[in-house]
């Protein structure tokens, strides 16, 4: 039901996905612009490590094309490792600068946009009020900046786990392994993504809906998730699994379309999860108004102290 309602809300609020996509393109343009002082260094690093023939086939790489997924993982790892090694040994200053832009500054700005979309969704779900992206951005800037900074720092741990998983998959050299690789990648990456998301999925919705500071909102968000933890985890796992399957099936180039859709659906899911966990009524589309069970009907006596 949570997945179904998320899809319905996604369909009725697709305009917000496009607005977030436009915001993401602007943010990406800003980051690329900030890289320009080291453009010559970046060109040298890429040119020196662009040696594997499979990298030239990335536009047509995907399970539906019958490509060598195991070989692709290995080639991408070798390319990234070579670039990082060259940056941090030959061009240390540029390496630190690029790491800051890509690991902190870019996700920081994207998380501000995510918080803004949650504010827009709250207005729609509670009263069907249309709130412009720029208006919501300015309105929530004070809260969204702190939220984005803390969430970006927390996500570094998850990125490190993904890097270790990517290396482990790329380093295994066994013919039979390549046949099971797509399944292993889809399940493992989807599970890690779902597990990490459960610890932050209620954070932004709690801050937007309840209006508390970021630290108190995190506690409320966690409590909301753990009221229906298995349902939240399984729904998040399903969304992540579908995204990774499509990405691997159609190839990396499909990320241009799939990533904005994935991020938009995740926003809808988090808001649906929070409203449902709090027993709050909300609009799912222009005509349907959902009434989840009240907290008194779903919480046991030990949890009554968490009622808002």
C-alpha atoms as a PDB file:
ATOM      1  CA  UNK A   1       0.000   0.000   0.000  1.00  0.00           C
ATOM      2  CA  UNK A   2       2.837   2.390   0.824  1.00  0.00           C
ATOM      3  CA  UNK A   3       4.445   1.720  -2.561  1.00  0.00           C
ATOM      4  CA  UNK A   4       1.109   2.040  -4.367  1.00  0.00           C
ATOM      5  CA  UNK A   5       0.289   5.367  -2.671  1.00  0.00           C
ATOM      6  CA  UNK A   6       3.795   6.653  -3.419  1.00  0.00           C
ATOM      7  CA  UNK A   7       3.264   5.903  -7.111  1.00  0.00           C
ATOM      8  CA  UNK A   8      -0.111   7.665  -7.093  1.00  0.00           C
ATOM      9  CA  UNK A   9       1.363  10.737  -5.416  1.00  0.00           C
ATOM     10  CA  UNK A  10       4.278  10.605  -7.866  1.00  0.00           C
ATOM     11  CA  UNK A  11       1.892  10.596 -10.827  1.00  0.00           C
ATOM     12  CA  UNK A  12      -0.180  13.500  -9.507  1.00  0.00           C
ATOM     13  CA  UNK A  13       2.901  15.601  -8.642  1.00  0.00           C
ATOM     14  CA  UNK A  14       5.129  14.912 -11.621  1.00  0.00           C
ATOM     15  CA  UNK A  15       5.599  18.662 -12.136  1.00  0.00           C
ATOM     16  CA  UNK A  16       7.702  18.717  -8.976  1.00  0.00           C
ATOM     17  CA  UNK A  17      10.014  16.082 -10.460  1.00  0.00           C
ATOM     18  CA  UNK A  18      10.664  18.313 -13.460  1.00  0.00           C
ATOM     19  CA  UNK A  19      11.304  21.316 -11.233  1.00  0.00           C
ATOM     20  CA  UNK A  20      13.793  19.335  -9.176  1.00  0.00           C
ATOM     21  CA  UNK A  21      15.410  18.097 -12.390  1.00  0.00           C
ATOM     22  CA  UNK A  22      15.822  21.672 -13.610  1.00  0.00           C
ATOM     23  CA  UNK A  23      17.274  22.644 -10.224  1.00  0.00           C
ATOM     24  CA  UNK A  24      19.692  19.677 -10.416  1.00  0.00           C
ATOM     25  CA  UNK A  25      20.855  20.726 -13.894  1.00  0.00           C
ATOM     26  CA  UNK A  26      21.540  24.249 -12.612  1.00  0.00           C
ATOM     27  CA  UNK A  27      23.435  22.855  -9.619  1.00  0.00           C
ATOM     28  CA  UNK A  28      25.462  20.569 -11.877  1.00  0.00           C
ATOM     29  CA  UNK A  29      26.273  23.548 -14.090  1.00  0.00           C
ATOM     30  CA  UNK A  30      27.509  25.482 -11.057  1.00  0.00           C
ATOM     31  CA  UNK A  31      29.752  22.591  -9.976  1.00  0.00           C
ATOM     32  CA  UNK A  32      31.168  22.168 -13.485  1.00  0.00           C
ATOM     33  CA  UNK A  33      31.796  25.914 -13.600  1.00  0.00           C
ATOM     34  CA  UNK A  34      33.717  25.704 -10.318  1.00  0.00           C
ATOM     35  CA  UNK A  35      35.881  22.959 -11.850  1.00  0.00           C
ATOM     36  CA  UNK A  36      36.997  25.168 -14.712  1.00  0.00           C
ATOM     37  CA  UNK A  37      40.155  26.510 -12.964  1.00  0.00           C
ATOM     38  CA  UNK A  38      41.502  22.942 -13.006  1.00  0.00           C
ATOM     39  CA  UNK A  39      40.101  21.978 -16.406  1.00  0.00           C
ATOM     40  CA  UNK A  40      43.523  21.304 -17.904  1.00  0.00           C
ATOM     41  CA  UNK A  41      44.404  19.025 -14.988  1.00  0.00           C
ATOM     42  CA  UNK A  42      41.118  17.150 -15.362  1.00  0.00           C
ATOM     43  CA  UNK A  43      41.731  16.613 -19.076  1.00  0.00           C
ATOM     44  CA  UNK A  44      45.218  15.223 -18.426  1.00  0.00           C
ATOM     45  CA  UNK A  45      43.992  12.841 -15.730  1.00  0.00           C
ATOM     46  CA  UNK A  46      41.116  11.502 -17.838  1.00  0.00           C
ATOM     47  CA  UNK A  47      43.228  11.185 -20.993  1.00  0.00           C
ATOM     48  CA  UNK A  48      45.959   9.296 -19.107  1.00  0.00           C
ATOM     49  CA  UNK A  49      43.543   6.718 -17.691  1.00  0.00           C
ATOM     50  CA  UNK A  50      41.045   6.314 -20.543  1.00  0.00           C
ATOM     51  CA  UNK A  51      42.698   3.155 -21.818  1.00  0.00           C
ATOM     52  CA  UNK A  52      40.181   0.331 -21.492  1.00  0.00           C
ATOM     53  CA  UNK A  53      38.254  -0.438 -24.656  1.00  0.00           C
ATOM     54  CA  UNK A  54      35.117  -1.297 -22.694  1.00  0.00           C
ATOM     55  CA  UNK A  55      34.848   2.293 -21.452  1.00  0.00           C
ATOM     56  CA  UNK A  56      34.304   3.361 -25.052  1.00  0.00           C
ATOM     57  CA  UNK A  57      31.254   1.077 -25.107  1.00  0.00           C
ATOM     58  CA  UNK A  58      29.567   2.612 -22.056  1.00  0.00           C
ATOM     59  CA  UNK A  59      26.790   4.240 -24.154  1.00  0.00           C
ATOM     60  CA  UNK A  60      25.687   0.781 -25.307  1.00  0.00           C
ATOM     61  CA  UNK A  61      26.429  -1.124 -22.109  1.00  0.00           C
ATOM     62  CA  UNK A  62      23.552  -2.832 -20.335  1.00  0.00           C
ATOM     63  CA  UNK A  63      22.013  -6.225 -19.723  1.00  0.00           C
ATOM     64  CA  UNK A  64      19.568  -5.698 -22.579  1.00  0.00           C
ATOM     65  CA  UNK A  65      22.538  -5.268 -24.919  1.00  0.00           C
ATOM     66  CA  UNK A  66      24.158  -8.478 -23.665  1.00  0.00           C
ATOM     67  CA  UNK A  67      27.270  -6.629 -22.501  1.00  0.00           C
ATOM     68  CA  UNK A  68      29.919  -7.954 -20.129  1.00  0.00           C
ATOM     69  CA  UNK A  69      28.766  -6.452 -16.834  1.00  0.00           C
ATOM     70  CA  UNK A  70      31.619  -7.989 -14.844  1.00  0.00           C
ATOM     71  CA  UNK A  71      34.147  -6.563 -17.305  1.00  0.00           C
ATOM     72  CA  UNK A  72      32.458  -3.174 -17.135  1.00  0.00           C
ATOM     73  CA  UNK A  73      32.723  -3.067 -13.326  1.00  0.00           C
ATOM     74  CA  UNK A  74      36.403  -3.934 -13.509  1.00  0.00           C
ATOM     75  CA  UNK A  75      37.114  -1.371 -16.223  1.00  0.00           C
ATOM     76  CA  UNK A  76      35.290   1.419 -14.391  1.00  0.00           C
ATOM     77  CA  UNK A  77      37.115   0.584 -11.145  1.00  0.00           C
ATOM     78  CA  UNK A  78      40.505   0.638 -12.881  1.00  0.00           C
ATOM     79  CA  UNK A  79      39.646   3.962 -14.508  1.00  0.00           C
ATOM     80  CA  UNK A  80      38.461   5.609 -11.288  1.00  0.00           C
ATOM     81  CA  UNK A  81      41.357   4.238  -9.253  1.00  0.00           C
ATOM     82  CA  UNK A  82      43.863   5.458 -11.837  1.00  0.00           C
ATOM     83  CA  UNK A  83      42.291   8.934 -11.843  1.00  0.00           C
ATOM     84  CA  UNK A  84      42.271   9.175  -8.044  1.00  0.00           C
ATOM     85  CA  UNK A  85      45.826   7.920  -7.735  1.00  0.00           C
ATOM     86  CA  UNK A  86      47.077  10.433 -10.290  1.00  0.00           C
ATOM     87  CA  UNK A  87      45.116  13.309  -8.742  1.00  0.00           C
ATOM     88  CA  UNK A  88      46.282  12.729  -5.176  1.00  0.00           C
ATOM     89  CA  UNK A  89      49.906  12.047  -6.060  1.00  0.00           C
ATOM     90  CA  UNK A  90      50.610  14.440  -8.927  1.00  0.00           C
ATOM     91  CA  UNK A  91      47.919  17.103  -8.441  1.00  0.00           C
ATOM     92  CA  UNK A  92      47.107  16.971  -4.719  1.00  0.00           C
ATOM     93  CA  UNK A  93      45.518  20.434  -4.543  1.00  0.00           C
ATOM     94  CA  UNK A  94      43.214  19.693  -7.472  1.00  0.00           C
ATOM     95  CA  UNK A  95      42.351  16.296  -5.992  1.00  0.00           C
ATOM     96  CA  UNK A  96      41.241  17.789  -2.684  1.00  0.00           C
ATOM     97  CA  UNK A  97      39.281  20.486  -4.514  1.00  0.00           C
ATOM     98  CA  UNK A  98      37.455  17.966  -6.724  1.00  0.00           C
ATOM     99  CA  UNK A  99      36.744  15.716  -3.730  1.00  0.00           C
ATOM    100  CA  UNK A 100      35.142  18.638  -1.871  1.00  0.00           C
ATOM    101  CA  UNK A 101      33.000  19.600  -4.863  1.00  0.00           C
ATOM    102  CA  UNK A 102      31.794  16.080  -5.672  1.00  0.00           C
ATOM    103  CA  UNK A 103      31.522  14.544  -2.206  1.00  0.00           C
ATOM    104  CA  UNK A 104      30.192  17.520  -0.255  1.00  0.00           C
ATOM    105  CA  UNK A 105      29.240  20.604  -2.263  1.00  0.00           C
ATOM    106  CA  UNK A 106      27.212  18.835  -4.996  1.00  0.00           C
ATOM    107  CA  UNK A 107      25.161  16.562  -2.675  1.00  0.00           C
ATOM    108  CA  UNK A 108      24.767  19.491  -0.260  1.00  0.00           C
ATOM    109  CA  UNK A 109      23.014  21.591  -2.907  1.00  0.00           C
ATOM    110  CA  UNK A 110      20.960  18.611  -4.119  1.00  0.00           C
ATOM    111  CA  UNK A 111      19.764  17.933  -0.563  1.00  0.00           C
ATOM    112  CA  UNK A 112      18.611  21.535  -0.260  1.00  0.00           C
ATOM    113  CA  UNK A 113      16.502  20.922  -3.361  1.00  0.00           C
ATOM    114  CA  UNK A 114      15.163  17.698  -1.884  1.00  0.00           C
ATOM    115  CA  UNK A 115      14.063  19.500   1.281  1.00  0.00           C
ATOM    116  CA  UNK A 116      12.375  22.132  -0.892  1.00  0.00           C
ATOM    117  CA  UNK A 117      10.386  19.477  -2.758  1.00  0.00           C
ATOM    118  CA  UNK A 118       9.250  18.018   0.573  1.00  0.00           C
ATOM    119  CA  UNK A 119       7.897  21.439   1.523  1.00  0.00           C
ATOM    120  CA  UNK A 120       5.987  21.611  -1.768  1.00  0.00           C
ATOM    121  CA  UNK A 121       4.593  18.111  -1.208  1.00  0.00           C
ATOM    122  CA  UNK A 122       3.485  18.954   2.327  1.00  0.00           C
ATOM    123  CA  UNK A 123       1.411  21.879   1.041  1.00  0.00           C
ATOM    124  CA  UNK A 124      -0.167  19.667  -1.617  1.00  0.00           C
ATOM    125  CA  UNK A 125      -0.831  16.670   0.632  1.00  0.00           C
ATOM    126  CA  UNK A 126      -2.295  18.679   3.501  1.00  0.00           C
ATOM    127  CA  UNK A 127      -4.441  21.193   1.600  1.00  0.00           C
ATOM    128  CA  UNK A 128      -3.758  20.799  -2.145  1.00  0.00           C
ATOM    129  CA  UNK A 129      -1.957  24.148  -2.102  1.00  0.00           C
ATOM    130  CA  UNK A 130       0.383  24.773  -5.030  1.00  0.00           C
ATOM    131  CA  UNK A 131       3.678  26.241  -3.833  1.00  0.00           C
ATOM    132  CA  UNK A 132       6.335  27.354  -6.321  1.00  0.00           C
ATOM    133  CA  UNK A 133       9.826  25.881  -6.117  1.00  0.00           C
ATOM    134  CA  UNK A 134      11.584  29.235  -5.644  1.00  0.00           C
ATOM    135  CA  UNK A 135       9.089  30.315  -2.978  1.00  0.00           C
ATOM    136  CA  UNK A 136       9.547  27.039  -1.085  1.00  0.00           C
ATOM    137  CA  UNK A 137      13.332  27.264  -1.479  1.00  0.00           C
ATOM    138  CA  UNK A 138      13.512  30.713   0.129  1.00  0.00           C
ATOM    139  CA  UNK A 139      10.922  29.837   2.779  1.00  0.00           C
ATOM    140  CA  UNK A 140      12.817  26.757   4.014  1.00  0.00           C
ATOM    141  CA  UNK A 141      16.402  27.888   3.396  1.00  0.00           C
ATOM    142  CA  UNK A 142      17.321  28.278   7.060  1.00  0.00           C
ATOM    143  CA  UNK A 143      16.283  24.707   7.895  1.00  0.00           C
ATOM    144  CA  UNK A 144      17.280  23.116   4.598  1.00  0.00           C
ATOM    145  CA  UNK A 145      20.905  24.332   4.791  1.00  0.00           C
ATOM    146  CA  UNK A 146      21.538  22.636   8.148  1.00  0.00           C
ATOM    147  CA  UNK A 147      19.633  19.527   7.066  1.00  0.00           C
ATOM    148  CA  UNK A 148      21.600  19.307   3.813  1.00  0.00           C
ATOM    149  CA  UNK A 149      24.960  19.755   5.543  1.00  0.00           C
ATOM    150  CA  UNK A 150      24.322  17.077   8.181  1.00  0.00           C
ATOM    151  CA  UNK A 151      22.789  14.601   5.732  1.00  0.00           C
ATOM    152  CA  UNK A 152      25.690  15.054   3.310  1.00  0.00           C
ATOM    153  CA  UNK A 153      28.214  14.314   6.054  1.00  0.00           C
ATOM    154  CA  UNK A 154      26.252  11.248   7.161  1.00  0.00           C
ATOM    155  CA  UNK A 155      26.029   9.967   3.579  1.00  0.00           C
ATOM    156  CA  UNK A 156      29.840   9.821   3.297  1.00  0.00           C
ATOM    157  CA  UNK A 157      29.761   6.618   5.355  1.00  0.00           C
ATOM    158  CA  UNK A 158      27.257   5.038   2.957  1.00  0.00           C
ATOM    159  CA  UNK A 159      29.358   6.122  -0.045  1.00  0.00           C
ATOM    160  CA  UNK A 160      32.358   4.395   1.546  1.00  0.00           C
ATOM    161  CA  UNK A 161      30.344   1.174   1.872  1.00  0.00           C
ATOM    162  CA  UNK A 162      29.319   1.403  -1.787  1.00  0.00           C
ATOM    163  CA  UNK A 163      32.961   1.922  -2.783  1.00  0.00           C
ATOM    164  CA  UNK A 164      34.038  -1.200  -0.868  1.00  0.00           C
ATOM    165  CA  UNK A 165      31.214  -3.218  -2.454  1.00  0.00           C
ATOM    166  CA  UNK A 166      32.124  -1.940  -5.921  1.00  0.00           C
ATOM    167  CA  UNK A 167      35.768  -2.884  -5.385  1.00  0.00           C
ATOM    168  CA  UNK A 168      34.853  -6.344  -4.082  1.00  0.00           C
ATOM    169  CA  UNK A 169      32.668  -7.047  -7.113  1.00  0.00           C
ATOM    170  CA  UNK A 170      35.235  -5.687  -9.570  1.00  0.00           C
ATOM    171  CA  UNK A 171      38.125  -7.645  -8.058  1.00  0.00           C
ATOM    172  CA  UNK A 172      36.551 -11.112  -8.204  1.00  0.00           C
ATOM    173  CA  UNK A 173      37.888 -12.997 -11.208  1.00  0.00           C
ATOM    174  CA  UNK A 174      35.767 -16.083 -11.896  1.00  0.00           C
ATOM    175  CA  UNK A 175      33.912 -16.989 -15.064  1.00  0.00           C
ATOM    176  CA  UNK A 176      30.893 -18.429 -13.284  1.00  0.00           C
ATOM    177  CA  UNK A 177      30.672 -15.286 -11.122  1.00  0.00           C
ATOM    178  CA  UNK A 178      29.776 -13.153 -14.142  1.00  0.00           C
ATOM    179  CA  UNK A 179      26.505 -15.075 -14.601  1.00  0.00           C
ATOM    180  CA  UNK A 180      25.312 -14.231 -11.098  1.00  0.00           C
ATOM    181  CA  UNK A 181      26.762 -10.716 -10.968  1.00  0.00           C
ATOM    182  CA  UNK A 182      23.630  -8.808 -12.064  1.00  0.00           C
ATOM    183  CA  UNK A 183      21.528 -10.477  -9.357  1.00  0.00           C
ATOM    184  CA  UNK A 184      24.212  -9.927  -6.705  1.00  0.00           C
ATOM    185  CA  UNK A 185      24.593  -6.249  -7.644  1.00  0.00           C
ATOM    186  CA  UNK A 186      20.855  -5.564  -7.721  1.00  0.00           C
ATOM    187  CA  UNK A 187      20.107  -7.223  -4.376  1.00  0.00           C
ATOM    188  CA  UNK A 188      23.192  -6.054  -2.443  1.00  0.00           C
ATOM    189  CA  UNK A 189      23.163  -2.433  -3.600  1.00  0.00           C
ATOM    190  CA  UNK A 190      19.380  -2.183  -3.198  1.00  0.00           C
ATOM    191  CA  UNK A 191      19.523  -3.584   0.337  1.00  0.00           C
ATOM    192  CA  UNK A 192      22.327  -1.268   1.480  1.00  0.00           C
ATOM    193  CA  UNK A 193      20.508   1.683  -0.075  1.00  0.00           C
ATOM    194  CA  UNK A 194      17.225   0.736   1.602  1.00  0.00           C
ATOM    195  CA  UNK A 195      18.864   0.106   4.972  1.00  0.00           C
ATOM    196  CA  UNK A 196      20.638   3.467   4.954  1.00  0.00           C
ATOM    197  CA  UNK A 197      17.513   5.278   3.777  1.00  0.00           C
ATOM    198  CA  UNK A 198      15.434   4.053   6.695  1.00  0.00           C
ATOM    199  CA  UNK A 199      17.636   6.090   9.045  1.00  0.00           C
ATOM    200  CA  UNK A 200      16.981   9.376   7.212  1.00  0.00           C
ATOM    201  CA  UNK A 201      13.692   8.900   5.329  1.00  0.00           C
ATOM    202  CA  UNK A 202      11.597  10.520   8.059  1.00  0.00           C
ATOM    203  CA  UNK A 203      14.008  13.385   8.728  1.00  0.00           C
ATOM    204  CA  UNK A 204      13.020  16.000   6.138  1.00  0.00           C
ATOM    205  CA  UNK A 205       9.267  15.179   6.338  1.00  0.00           C
ATOM    206  CA  UNK A 206       9.324  15.553  10.132  1.00  0.00           C
ATOM    207  CA  UNK A 207      11.059  18.918   9.883  1.00  0.00           C
ATOM    208  CA  UNK A 208       8.707  20.197   7.183  1.00  0.00           C
ATOM    209  CA  UNK A 209       5.474  18.911   8.750  1.00  0.00           C
ATOM    210  CA  UNK A 210       6.182  19.501  12.441  1.00  0.00           C
ATOM    211  CA  UNK A 211       8.310  22.633  12.148  1.00  0.00           C
ATOM    212  CA  UNK A 212      10.812  21.551  14.805  1.00  0.00           C
ATOM    213  CA  UNK A 213      14.565  22.107  14.571  1.00  0.00           C
ATOM    214  CA  UNK A 214      16.640  19.662  12.543  1.00  0.00           C
ATOM    215  CA  UNK A 215      17.893  17.667  15.543  1.00  0.00           C
ATOM    216  CA  UNK A 216      14.478  17.103  17.111  1.00  0.00           C
ATOM    217  CA  UNK A 217      13.021  16.380  13.676  1.00  0.00           C
ATOM    218  CA  UNK A 218      15.543  13.577  13.201  1.00  0.00           C
ATOM    219  CA  UNK A 219      14.362  11.877  16.401  1.00  0.00           C
ATOM    220  CA  UNK A 220      10.727  12.215  15.330  1.00  0.00           C
ATOM    221  CA  UNK A 221      11.566  10.896  11.872  1.00  0.00           C
ATOM    222  CA  UNK A 222      13.321   7.831  13.308  1.00  0.00           C
ATOM    223  CA  UNK A 223      10.358   7.076  15.559  1.00  0.00           C
ATOM    224  CA  UNK A 224       8.006   7.338  12.586  1.00  0.00           C
ATOM    225  CA  UNK A 225      10.099   4.884  10.594  1.00  0.00           C
ATOM    226  CA  UNK A 226      10.339   2.334  13.412  1.00  0.00           C
ATOM    227  CA  UNK A 227       6.579   2.283  13.919  1.00  0.00           C
ATOM    228  CA  UNK A 228       6.405   0.362  10.614  1.00  0.00           C
ATOM    229  CA  UNK A 229      10.049  -0.486  10.063  1.00  0.00           C
ATOM    230  CA  UNK A 230       9.694  -3.682   8.035  1.00  0.00           C
ATOM    231  CA  UNK A 231       7.156  -2.073   5.711  1.00  0.00           C
ATOM    232  CA  UNK A 232       9.362   0.985   5.232  1.00  0.00           C
ATOM    233  CA  UNK A 233      12.462  -1.153   4.641  1.00  0.00           C
ATOM    234  CA  UNK A 234      10.720  -3.454   2.149  1.00  0.00           C
ATOM    235  CA  UNK A 235       9.195  -0.551   0.203  1.00  0.00           C
ATOM    236  CA  UNK A 236      12.522   1.256   0.023  1.00  0.00           C
ATOM    237  CA  UNK A 237      14.217  -1.992  -1.045  1.00  0.00           C
ATOM    238  CA  UNK A 238      11.656  -2.456  -3.832  1.00  0.00           C
ATOM    239  CA  UNK A 239      12.141   1.102  -5.131  1.00  0.00           C
ATOM    240  CA  UNK A 240      15.935   0.754  -5.075  1.00  0.00           C
ATOM    241  CA  UNK A 241      15.826  -2.682  -6.700  1.00  0.00           C
ATOM    242  CA  UNK A 242      13.632  -1.460  -9.576  1.00  0.00           C
ATOM    243  CA  UNK A 243      15.919   1.545 -10.129  1.00  0.00           C
ATOM    244  CA  UNK A 244      19.133  -0.523 -10.173  1.00  0.00           C
ATOM    245  CA  UNK A 245      17.549  -3.174 -12.409  1.00  0.00           C
ATOM    246  CA  UNK A 246      16.486  -0.551 -14.964  1.00  0.00           C
ATOM    247  CA  UNK A 247      19.853   1.191 -14.758  1.00  0.00           C
ATOM    248  CA  UNK A 248      21.743  -2.041 -15.373  1.00  0.00           C
ATOM    249  CA  UNK A 249      19.282  -3.158 -18.009  1.00  0.00           C
ATOM    250  CA  UNK A 250      19.335  -0.033 -20.158  1.00  0.00           C
ATOM    251  CA  UNK A 251      22.920   1.017 -19.447  1.00  0.00           C
ATOM    252  CA  UNK A 252      24.579   3.931 -17.663  1.00  0.00           C
ATOM    253  CA  UNK A 253      23.343   6.499 -20.173  1.00  0.00           C
ATOM    254  CA  UNK A 254      19.777   5.831 -18.974  1.00  0.00           C
ATOM    255  CA  UNK A 255      20.779   7.451 -15.649  1.00  0.00           C
ATOM    256  CA  UNK A 256      19.984  10.828 -17.234  1.00  0.00           C
ATOM    257  CA  UNK A 257      16.301   9.864 -17.138  1.00  0.00           C
ATOM    258  CA  UNK A 258      16.183   7.300 -14.334  1.00  0.00           C
ATOM    259  CA  UNK A 259      17.972   9.248 -11.592  1.00  0.00           C
ATOM    260  CA  UNK A 260      15.495  12.199 -11.542  1.00  0.00           C
ATOM    261  CA  UNK A 261      12.573   9.738 -11.565  1.00  0.00           C
ATOM    262  CA  UNK A 262      14.163   7.742  -8.747  1.00  0.00           C
ATOM    263  CA  UNK A 263      14.818  10.802  -6.588  1.00  0.00           C
ATOM    264  CA  UNK A 264      11.295  12.098  -7.212  1.00  0.00           C
ATOM    265  CA  UNK A 265       9.683   8.789  -6.253  1.00  0.00           C
ATOM    266  CA  UNK A 266      11.838   8.617  -3.121  1.00  0.00           C
ATOM    267  CA  UNK A 267      10.566  12.025  -2.053  1.00  0.00           C
ATOM    268  CA  UNK A 268       6.951  10.869  -2.492  1.00  0.00           C
ATOM    269  CA  UNK A 269       7.665   7.661  -0.590  1.00  0.00           C
ATOM    270  CA  UNK A 270       9.196   9.482   2.380  1.00  0.00           C
ATOM    271  CA  UNK A 271       6.240  11.841   2.696  1.00  0.00           C
ATOM    272  CA  UNK A 272       3.683   9.032   2.339  1.00  0.00           C
ATOM    273  CA  UNK A 273       5.585   7.020   4.952  1.00  0.00           C
ATOM    274  CA  UNK A 274       5.640   9.900   7.426  1.00  0.00           C
ATOM    275  CA  UNK A 275       2.001  10.905   6.983  1.00  0.00           C
ATOM    276  CA  UNK A 276       0.919   7.274   7.343  1.00  0.00           C
ATOM    277  CA  UNK A 277       3.092   6.652  10.403  1.00  0.00           C
ATOM    278  CA  UNK A 278       1.745   9.771  12.096  1.00  0.00           C
ATOM    279  CA  UNK A 279      -1.872   8.881  11.278  1.00  0.00           C
ATOM    280  CA  UNK A 280      -2.282  12.132   9.311  1.00  0.00           C
ATOM    281  CA  UNK A 281      -4.856  12.458   6.522  1.00  0.00           C
ATOM    282  CA  UNK A 282      -3.562  13.590   3.147  1.00  0.00           C
ATOM    283  CA  UNK A 283      -4.488  14.103  -0.495  1.00  0.00           C
ATOM    284  CA  UNK A 284      -3.091  11.447  -2.804  1.00  0.00           C
ATOM    285  CA  UNK A 285      -4.374  13.228  -5.930  1.00  0.00           C
ATOM    286  CA  UNK A 286      -6.933  15.848  -6.899  1.00  0.00           C
ATOM    287  CA  UNK A 287      -9.894  13.733  -5.805  1.00  0.00           C
ATOM    288  CA  UNK A 288      -8.762  11.106  -3.293  1.00  0.00           C
ATOM    289  CA  UNK A 289      -8.220  11.907   0.385  1.00  0.00           C
ATOM    290  CA  UNK A 290      -6.596   9.128   2.443  1.00  0.00           C
ATOM    291  CA  UNK A 291      -7.200   8.593   6.141  1.00  0.00           C
ATOM    292  CA  UNK A 292      -4.546   6.338   7.735  1.00  0.00           C
ATOM    293  CA  UNK A 293      -5.125   4.655  11.085  1.00  0.00           C
ATOM    294  CA  UNK A 294      -4.586   6.919  14.070  1.00  0.00           C
ATOM    295  CA  UNK A 295      -1.486   6.414  16.192  1.00  0.00           C
ATOM    296  CA  UNK A 296      -3.684   5.231  19.059  1.00  0.00           C
ATOM    297  CA  UNK A 297      -4.830   2.356  16.826  1.00  0.00           C
ATOM    298  CA  UNK A 298      -1.337   1.259  15.768  1.00  0.00           C
ATOM    299  CA  UNK A 299       0.952   2.022  18.742  1.00  0.00           C
ATOM    300  CA  UNK A 300       1.179  -0.081  21.876  1.00  0.00           C
ATOM    301  CA  UNK A 301       1.177   1.370  25.375  1.00  0.00           C
ATOM    302  CA  UNK A 302       4.989   1.661  25.507  1.00  0.00           C
ATOM    303  CA  UNK A 303       4.966   3.944  22.454  1.00  0.00           C
ATOM    304  CA  UNK A 304       2.300   6.387  23.616  1.00  0.00           C
ATOM    305  CA  UNK A 305       4.962   8.745  24.938  1.00  0.00           C
ATOM    306  CA  UNK A 306       5.985   9.386  21.309  1.00  0.00           C
ATOM    307  CA  UNK A 307       2.598  10.792  20.313  1.00  0.00           C
ATOM    308  CA  UNK A 308       2.903  14.326  18.962  1.00  0.00           C
END
